[in-house]
């Protein structure tokens, strides 16, 4: 794997077809994303864990500031804020909910996740969808009068599971090259 990877467009796959806004599948995807944001904001991490596929890949590569001519290479996938799989996410959830050693989130952050600009594409697998969304997270800690803003783009793969979805892949492309938050102990 090269250190610098060209940034793929989430909607560039010619085999995939755009799912129309307002269609039943689109509405189900948006509802899933809104429900997910609510679970995370309400710190219902065990409920959120039930929405994760067992082959999950959950990653946030670094961003590097580059000149205009090199923007396609601004995402560095060999260095990441985190790169988790199902097992490591479950370990993080267990640590946050079942131990007293999660000092970075005790007391927990107060967060608000705003999910917007949702675009959905069908893939060559009838039960999987590529989903691009924008995310803005506000995060408040302790009794401080300031808060963190974390913004970015999420590239997901959602897999149909009964009448809902499972999150199979998520890559979060953060807008900031240098994060203004002391840690990323929250899920994006």
C-alpha atoms as a PDB file:
ATOM      1  CA  UNK A   1       0.000   0.000   0.000  1.00  0.00           C
ATOM      2  CA  UNK A   2       1.389   3.367  -0.915  1.00  0.00           C
ATOM      3  CA  UNK A   3       1.734   6.052   1.732  1.00  0.00           C
ATOM      4  CA  UNK A   4      -0.315   8.550  -0.245  1.00  0.00           C
ATOM      5  CA  UNK A   5      -3.395   7.294  -2.005  1.00  0.00           C
ATOM      6  CA  UNK A   6      -5.397   9.109  -4.607  1.00  0.00           C
ATOM      7  CA  UNK A   7      -8.655  10.245  -3.094  1.00  0.00           C
ATOM      8  CA  UNK A   8     -11.461   8.297  -4.732  1.00  0.00           C
ATOM      9  CA  UNK A   9     -14.778   9.958  -5.360  1.00  0.00           C
ATOM     10  CA  UNK A  10     -17.428   8.164  -3.352  1.00  0.00           C
ATOM     11  CA  UNK A  11     -19.725   8.361  -6.353  1.00  0.00           C
ATOM     12  CA  UNK A  12     -17.250   7.469  -9.084  1.00  0.00           C
ATOM     13  CA  UNK A  13     -18.007   3.758  -9.422  1.00  0.00           C
ATOM     14  CA  UNK A  14     -19.552   3.433 -12.887  1.00  0.00           C
ATOM     15  CA  UNK A  15     -21.241   0.129 -11.993  1.00  0.00           C
ATOM     16  CA  UNK A  16     -23.121   1.676  -9.115  1.00  0.00           C
ATOM     17  CA  UNK A  17     -26.371   3.506  -9.717  1.00  0.00           C
ATOM     18  CA  UNK A  18     -27.676   6.457  -7.777  1.00  0.00           C
ATOM     19  CA  UNK A  19     -30.669   5.666  -5.587  1.00  0.00           C
ATOM     20  CA  UNK A  20     -33.221   8.474  -6.047  1.00  0.00           C
ATOM     21  CA  UNK A  21     -33.853  10.842  -3.165  1.00  0.00           C
ATOM     22  CA  UNK A  22     -37.220  10.037  -1.629  1.00  0.00           C
ATOM     23  CA  UNK A  23     -37.281   6.427  -2.813  1.00  0.00           C
ATOM     24  CA  UNK A  24     -38.040   3.751  -0.181  1.00  0.00           C
ATOM     25  CA  UNK A  25     -34.395   2.555  -0.033  1.00  0.00           C
ATOM     26  CA  UNK A  26     -33.084   6.123   0.228  1.00  0.00           C
ATOM     27  CA  UNK A  27     -35.500   6.880   3.049  1.00  0.00           C
ATOM     28  CA  UNK A  28     -34.510   3.691   4.893  1.00  0.00           C
ATOM     29  CA  UNK A  29     -30.814   4.598   4.594  1.00  0.00           C
ATOM     30  CA  UNK A  30     -31.405   8.137   5.897  1.00  0.00           C
ATOM     31  CA  UNK A  31     -33.507   6.780   8.758  1.00  0.00           C
ATOM     32  CA  UNK A  32     -30.704   4.341   9.629  1.00  0.00           C
ATOM     33  CA  UNK A  33     -28.138   7.183   9.691  1.00  0.00           C
ATOM     34  CA  UNK A  34     -30.389   9.391  11.842  1.00  0.00           C
ATOM     35  CA  UNK A  35     -31.091   6.525  14.262  1.00  0.00           C
ATOM     36  CA  UNK A  36     -27.361   5.774  14.430  1.00  0.00           C
ATOM     37  CA  UNK A  37     -26.570   9.415  15.256  1.00  0.00           C
ATOM     38  CA  UNK A  38     -29.215   9.387  17.993  1.00  0.00           C
ATOM     39  CA  UNK A  39     -27.848   6.173  19.532  1.00  0.00           C
ATOM     40  CA  UNK A  40     -24.334   7.609  19.620  1.00  0.00           C
ATOM     41  CA  UNK A  41     -25.462  10.993  20.988  1.00  0.00           C
ATOM     42  CA  UNK A  42     -27.474   9.245  23.714  1.00  0.00           C
ATOM     43  CA  UNK A  43     -24.473   6.972  24.457  1.00  0.00           C
ATOM     44  CA  UNK A  44     -26.479   3.827  23.692  1.00  0.00           C
ATOM     45  CA  UNK A  45     -23.334   2.079  22.516  1.00  0.00           C
ATOM     46  CA  UNK A  46     -24.659  -1.459  22.973  1.00  0.00           C
ATOM     47  CA  UNK A  47     -27.652  -0.609  20.759  1.00  0.00           C
ATOM     48  CA  UNK A  48     -25.256   0.868  18.199  1.00  0.00           C
ATOM     49  CA  UNK A  49     -23.102  -2.281  18.345  1.00  0.00           C
ATOM     50  CA  UNK A  50     -26.118  -4.287  17.179  1.00  0.00           C
ATOM     51  CA  UNK A  51     -26.062  -2.274  13.911  1.00  0.00           C
ATOM     52  CA  UNK A  52     -22.487  -3.293  13.051  1.00  0.00           C
ATOM     53  CA  UNK A  53     -21.603  -6.089  10.624  1.00  0.00           C
ATOM     54  CA  UNK A  54     -19.127  -8.661  11.895  1.00  0.00           C
ATOM     55  CA  UNK A  55     -16.784  -7.931   8.963  1.00  0.00           C
ATOM     56  CA  UNK A  56     -16.794  -4.206   9.789  1.00  0.00           C
ATOM     57  CA  UNK A  57     -13.894  -1.943   8.808  1.00  0.00           C
ATOM     58  CA  UNK A  58     -14.082   1.470  10.522  1.00  0.00           C
ATOM     59  CA  UNK A  59     -11.313   3.915   9.625  1.00  0.00           C
ATOM     60  CA  UNK A  60     -10.323   7.574   9.760  1.00  0.00           C
ATOM     61  CA  UNK A  61      -7.175   8.235   7.708  1.00  0.00           C
ATOM     62  CA  UNK A  62      -5.074  11.342   8.170  1.00  0.00           C
ATOM     63  CA  UNK A  63      -5.478  14.378   5.998  1.00  0.00           C
ATOM     64  CA  UNK A  64      -2.521  16.335   4.739  1.00  0.00           C
ATOM     65  CA  UNK A  65      -2.628  19.888   3.426  1.00  0.00           C
ATOM     66  CA  UNK A  66      -1.393  19.953  -0.161  1.00  0.00           C
ATOM     67  CA  UNK A  67      -1.354  22.450  -3.027  1.00  0.00           C
ATOM     68  CA  UNK A  68      -4.317  22.591  -5.394  1.00  0.00           C
ATOM     69  CA  UNK A  69      -2.575  20.417  -7.995  1.00  0.00           C
ATOM     70  CA  UNK A  70      -2.102  17.640  -5.400  1.00  0.00           C
ATOM     71  CA  UNK A  71      -5.539  17.619  -3.741  1.00  0.00           C
ATOM     72  CA  UNK A  72      -6.271  14.099  -4.969  1.00  0.00           C
ATOM     73  CA  UNK A  73      -3.383  12.855  -2.786  1.00  0.00           C
ATOM     74  CA  UNK A  74      -4.350  14.649   0.427  1.00  0.00           C
ATOM     75  CA  UNK A  75      -5.653  11.534   2.224  1.00  0.00           C
ATOM     76  CA  UNK A  76      -2.961   9.393   3.881  1.00  0.00           C
ATOM     77  CA  UNK A  77      -4.324   5.896   4.449  1.00  0.00           C
ATOM     78  CA  UNK A  78      -1.141   4.372   5.880  1.00  0.00           C
ATOM     79  CA  UNK A  79      -1.491   6.606   8.951  1.00  0.00           C
ATOM     80  CA  UNK A  80      -4.869   6.815  10.604  1.00  0.00           C
ATOM     81  CA  UNK A  81      -6.576   8.371  13.585  1.00  0.00           C
ATOM     82  CA  UNK A  82      -8.025   4.911  13.978  1.00  0.00           C
ATOM     83  CA  UNK A  83      -8.507   1.782  11.950  1.00  0.00           C
ATOM     84  CA  UNK A  84     -10.834  -0.608  13.706  1.00  0.00           C
ATOM     85  CA  UNK A  85     -12.602  -3.816  12.934  1.00  0.00           C
ATOM     86  CA  UNK A  86     -15.651  -5.358  14.608  1.00  0.00           C
ATOM     87  CA  UNK A  87     -13.601  -6.931  17.382  1.00  0.00           C
ATOM     88  CA  UNK A  88     -11.710  -3.754  18.295  1.00  0.00           C
ATOM     89  CA  UNK A  89     -14.913  -1.662  18.195  1.00  0.00           C
ATOM     90  CA  UNK A  90     -16.583  -4.166  20.531  1.00  0.00           C
ATOM     91  CA  UNK A  91     -13.552  -3.902  22.839  1.00  0.00           C
ATOM     92  CA  UNK A  92     -13.839  -0.104  22.855  1.00  0.00           C
ATOM     93  CA  UNK A  93     -17.562  -0.333  23.611  1.00  0.00           C
ATOM     94  CA  UNK A  94     -16.945  -2.803  26.429  1.00  0.00           C
ATOM     95  CA  UNK A  95     -14.262  -0.545  27.900  1.00  0.00           C
ATOM     96  CA  UNK A  96     -16.557   2.507  27.723  1.00  0.00           C
ATOM     97  CA  UNK A  97     -19.637   0.768  29.141  1.00  0.00           C
ATOM     98  CA  UNK A  98     -18.289  -1.978  31.384  1.00  0.00           C
ATOM     99  CA  UNK A  99     -15.130  -0.710  33.071  1.00  0.00           C
ATOM    100  CA  UNK A 100     -13.943   2.272  35.043  1.00  0.00           C
ATOM    101  CA  UNK A 101     -10.805   2.657  32.937  1.00  0.00           C
ATOM    102  CA  UNK A 102     -12.284   4.764  30.126  1.00  0.00           C
ATOM    103  CA  UNK A 103     -11.043   8.004  31.676  1.00  0.00           C
ATOM    104  CA  UNK A 104     -11.127   9.889  28.358  1.00  0.00           C
ATOM    105  CA  UNK A 105     -14.940   9.568  28.349  1.00  0.00           C
ATOM    106  CA  UNK A 106     -15.788   9.614  32.069  1.00  0.00           C
ATOM    107  CA  UNK A 107     -17.744  11.760  32.465  1.00  0.00           C
ATOM    108  CA  UNK A 108     -18.889  11.266  28.882  1.00  0.00           C
ATOM    109  CA  UNK A 109     -18.752  13.943  26.223  1.00  0.00           C
ATOM    110  CA  UNK A 110     -22.000  15.620  25.276  1.00  0.00           C
ATOM    111  CA  UNK A 111     -22.264  15.304  21.520  1.00  0.00           C
ATOM    112  CA  UNK A 112     -24.614  16.210  18.729  1.00  0.00           C
ATOM    113  CA  UNK A 113     -24.154  14.560  15.357  1.00  0.00           C
ATOM    114  CA  UNK A 114     -25.658  16.309  12.342  1.00  0.00           C
ATOM    115  CA  UNK A 115     -25.829  14.085   9.261  1.00  0.00           C
ATOM    116  CA  UNK A 116     -26.503  15.796   5.922  1.00  0.00           C
ATOM    117  CA  UNK A 117     -25.992  15.613   2.151  1.00  0.00           C
ATOM    118  CA  UNK A 118     -26.786  11.903   2.039  1.00  0.00           C
ATOM    119  CA  UNK A 119     -26.254  10.256  -1.348  1.00  0.00           C
ATOM    120  CA  UNK A 120     -26.917   6.562  -1.882  1.00  0.00           C
ATOM    121  CA  UNK A 121     -25.764   4.251  -4.657  1.00  0.00           C
ATOM    122  CA  UNK A 122     -26.758   0.707  -5.422  1.00  0.00           C
ATOM    123  CA  UNK A 123     -23.819  -1.647  -5.954  1.00  0.00           C
ATOM    124  CA  UNK A 124     -23.427  -4.844  -7.918  1.00  0.00           C
ATOM    125  CA  UNK A 125     -24.502  -6.669  -4.730  1.00  0.00           C
ATOM    126  CA  UNK A 126     -28.276  -6.320  -4.395  1.00  0.00           C
ATOM    127  CA  UNK A 127     -28.158  -6.077  -0.588  1.00  0.00           C
ATOM    128  CA  UNK A 128     -25.336  -3.497  -0.311  1.00  0.00           C
ATOM    129  CA  UNK A 129     -25.365   0.244  -0.794  1.00  0.00           C
ATOM    130  CA  UNK A 130     -22.624   2.864  -0.907  1.00  0.00           C
ATOM    131  CA  UNK A 131     -23.564   5.861   1.167  1.00  0.00           C
ATOM    132  CA  UNK A 132     -21.814   9.211   1.221  1.00  0.00           C
ATOM    133  CA  UNK A 133     -22.818  11.632   3.976  1.00  0.00           C
ATOM    134  CA  UNK A 134     -21.459  14.744   5.595  1.00  0.00           C
ATOM    135  CA  UNK A 135     -21.075  14.844   9.351  1.00  0.00           C
ATOM    136  CA  UNK A 136     -20.767  17.702  11.811  1.00  0.00           C
ATOM    137  CA  UNK A 137     -20.188  16.758  15.444  1.00  0.00           C
ATOM    138  CA  UNK A 138     -20.316  19.194  18.319  1.00  0.00           C
ATOM    139  CA  UNK A 139     -18.633  17.942  21.462  1.00  0.00           C
ATOM    140  CA  UNK A 140     -18.757  19.513  24.895  1.00  0.00           C
ATOM    141  CA  UNK A 141     -16.718  18.342  27.889  1.00  0.00           C
ATOM    142  CA  UNK A 142     -17.062  18.932  31.623  1.00  0.00           C
ATOM    143  CA  UNK A 143     -18.303  22.437  32.458  1.00  0.00           C
ATOM    144  CA  UNK A 144     -16.204  24.170  29.824  1.00  0.00           C
ATOM    145  CA  UNK A 145     -17.849  27.015  27.942  1.00  0.00           C
ATOM    146  CA  UNK A 146     -16.243  26.051  24.638  1.00  0.00           C
ATOM    147  CA  UNK A 147     -16.850  23.027  22.460  1.00  0.00           C
ATOM    148  CA  UNK A 148     -15.155  21.052  19.725  1.00  0.00           C
ATOM    149  CA  UNK A 149     -16.371  20.980  16.137  1.00  0.00           C
ATOM    150  CA  UNK A 150     -15.469  17.939  14.073  1.00  0.00           C
ATOM    151  CA  UNK A 151     -16.568  17.867  10.445  1.00  0.00           C
ATOM    152  CA  UNK A 152     -16.029  15.475   7.622  1.00  0.00           C
ATOM    153  CA  UNK A 153     -17.318  13.170   4.983  1.00  0.00           C
ATOM    154  CA  UNK A 154     -18.274   9.552   5.631  1.00  0.00           C
ATOM    155  CA  UNK A 155     -18.068   6.868   2.970  1.00  0.00           C
ATOM    156  CA  UNK A 156     -20.085   3.885   4.150  1.00  0.00           C
ATOM    157  CA  UNK A 157     -21.192   0.517   2.908  1.00  0.00           C
ATOM    158  CA  UNK A 158     -24.539  -0.488   4.359  1.00  0.00           C
ATOM    159  CA  UNK A 159     -25.770  -4.052   4.017  1.00  0.00           C
ATOM    160  CA  UNK A 160     -29.456  -4.969   4.172  1.00  0.00           C
ATOM    161  CA  UNK A 161     -30.281  -7.008   7.264  1.00  0.00           C
ATOM    162  CA  UNK A 162     -33.966  -7.813   7.567  1.00  0.00           C
ATOM    163  CA  UNK A 163     -35.863  -4.533   7.518  1.00  0.00           C
ATOM    164  CA  UNK A 164     -32.811  -2.442   8.427  1.00  0.00           C
ATOM    165  CA  UNK A 165     -29.078  -2.286   7.640  1.00  0.00           C
ATOM    166  CA  UNK A 166     -25.736  -3.253   9.132  1.00  0.00           C
ATOM    167  CA  UNK A 167     -22.751  -0.951   8.827  1.00  0.00           C
ATOM    168  CA  UNK A 168     -20.092  -2.964   6.967  1.00  0.00           C
ATOM    169  CA  UNK A 169     -17.580  -0.226   6.100  1.00  0.00           C
ATOM    170  CA  UNK A 170     -16.996   3.347   7.184  1.00  0.00           C
ATOM    171  CA  UNK A 171     -14.210   5.663   6.172  1.00  0.00           C
ATOM    172  CA  UNK A 172     -14.320   9.095   7.766  1.00  0.00           C
ATOM    173  CA  UNK A 173     -12.451  11.799   5.879  1.00  0.00           C
ATOM    174  CA  UNK A 174     -12.038  14.582   8.407  1.00  0.00           C
ATOM    175  CA  UNK A 175     -11.880  18.150   7.117  1.00  0.00           C
ATOM    176  CA  UNK A 176      -9.090  19.170   9.470  1.00  0.00           C
ATOM    177  CA  UNK A 177      -5.451  18.235   8.998  1.00  0.00           C
ATOM    178  CA  UNK A 178      -4.835  19.121  12.657  1.00  0.00           C
ATOM    179  CA  UNK A 179      -7.698  18.226  14.965  1.00  0.00           C
ATOM    180  CA  UNK A 180      -8.871  20.802  17.463  1.00  0.00           C
ATOM    181  CA  UNK A 181     -10.056  18.145  19.905  1.00  0.00           C
ATOM    182  CA  UNK A 182      -7.837  16.551  22.572  1.00  0.00           C
ATOM    183  CA  UNK A 183      -8.818  12.997  21.588  1.00  0.00           C
ATOM    184  CA  UNK A 184     -11.061  10.958  19.345  1.00  0.00           C
ATOM    185  CA  UNK A 185     -12.586   8.795  22.054  1.00  0.00           C
ATOM    186  CA  UNK A 186     -16.010   9.177  20.450  1.00  0.00           C
ATOM    187  CA  UNK A 187     -17.332   7.321  17.428  1.00  0.00           C
ATOM    188  CA  UNK A 188     -17.939   9.310  14.263  1.00  0.00           C
END
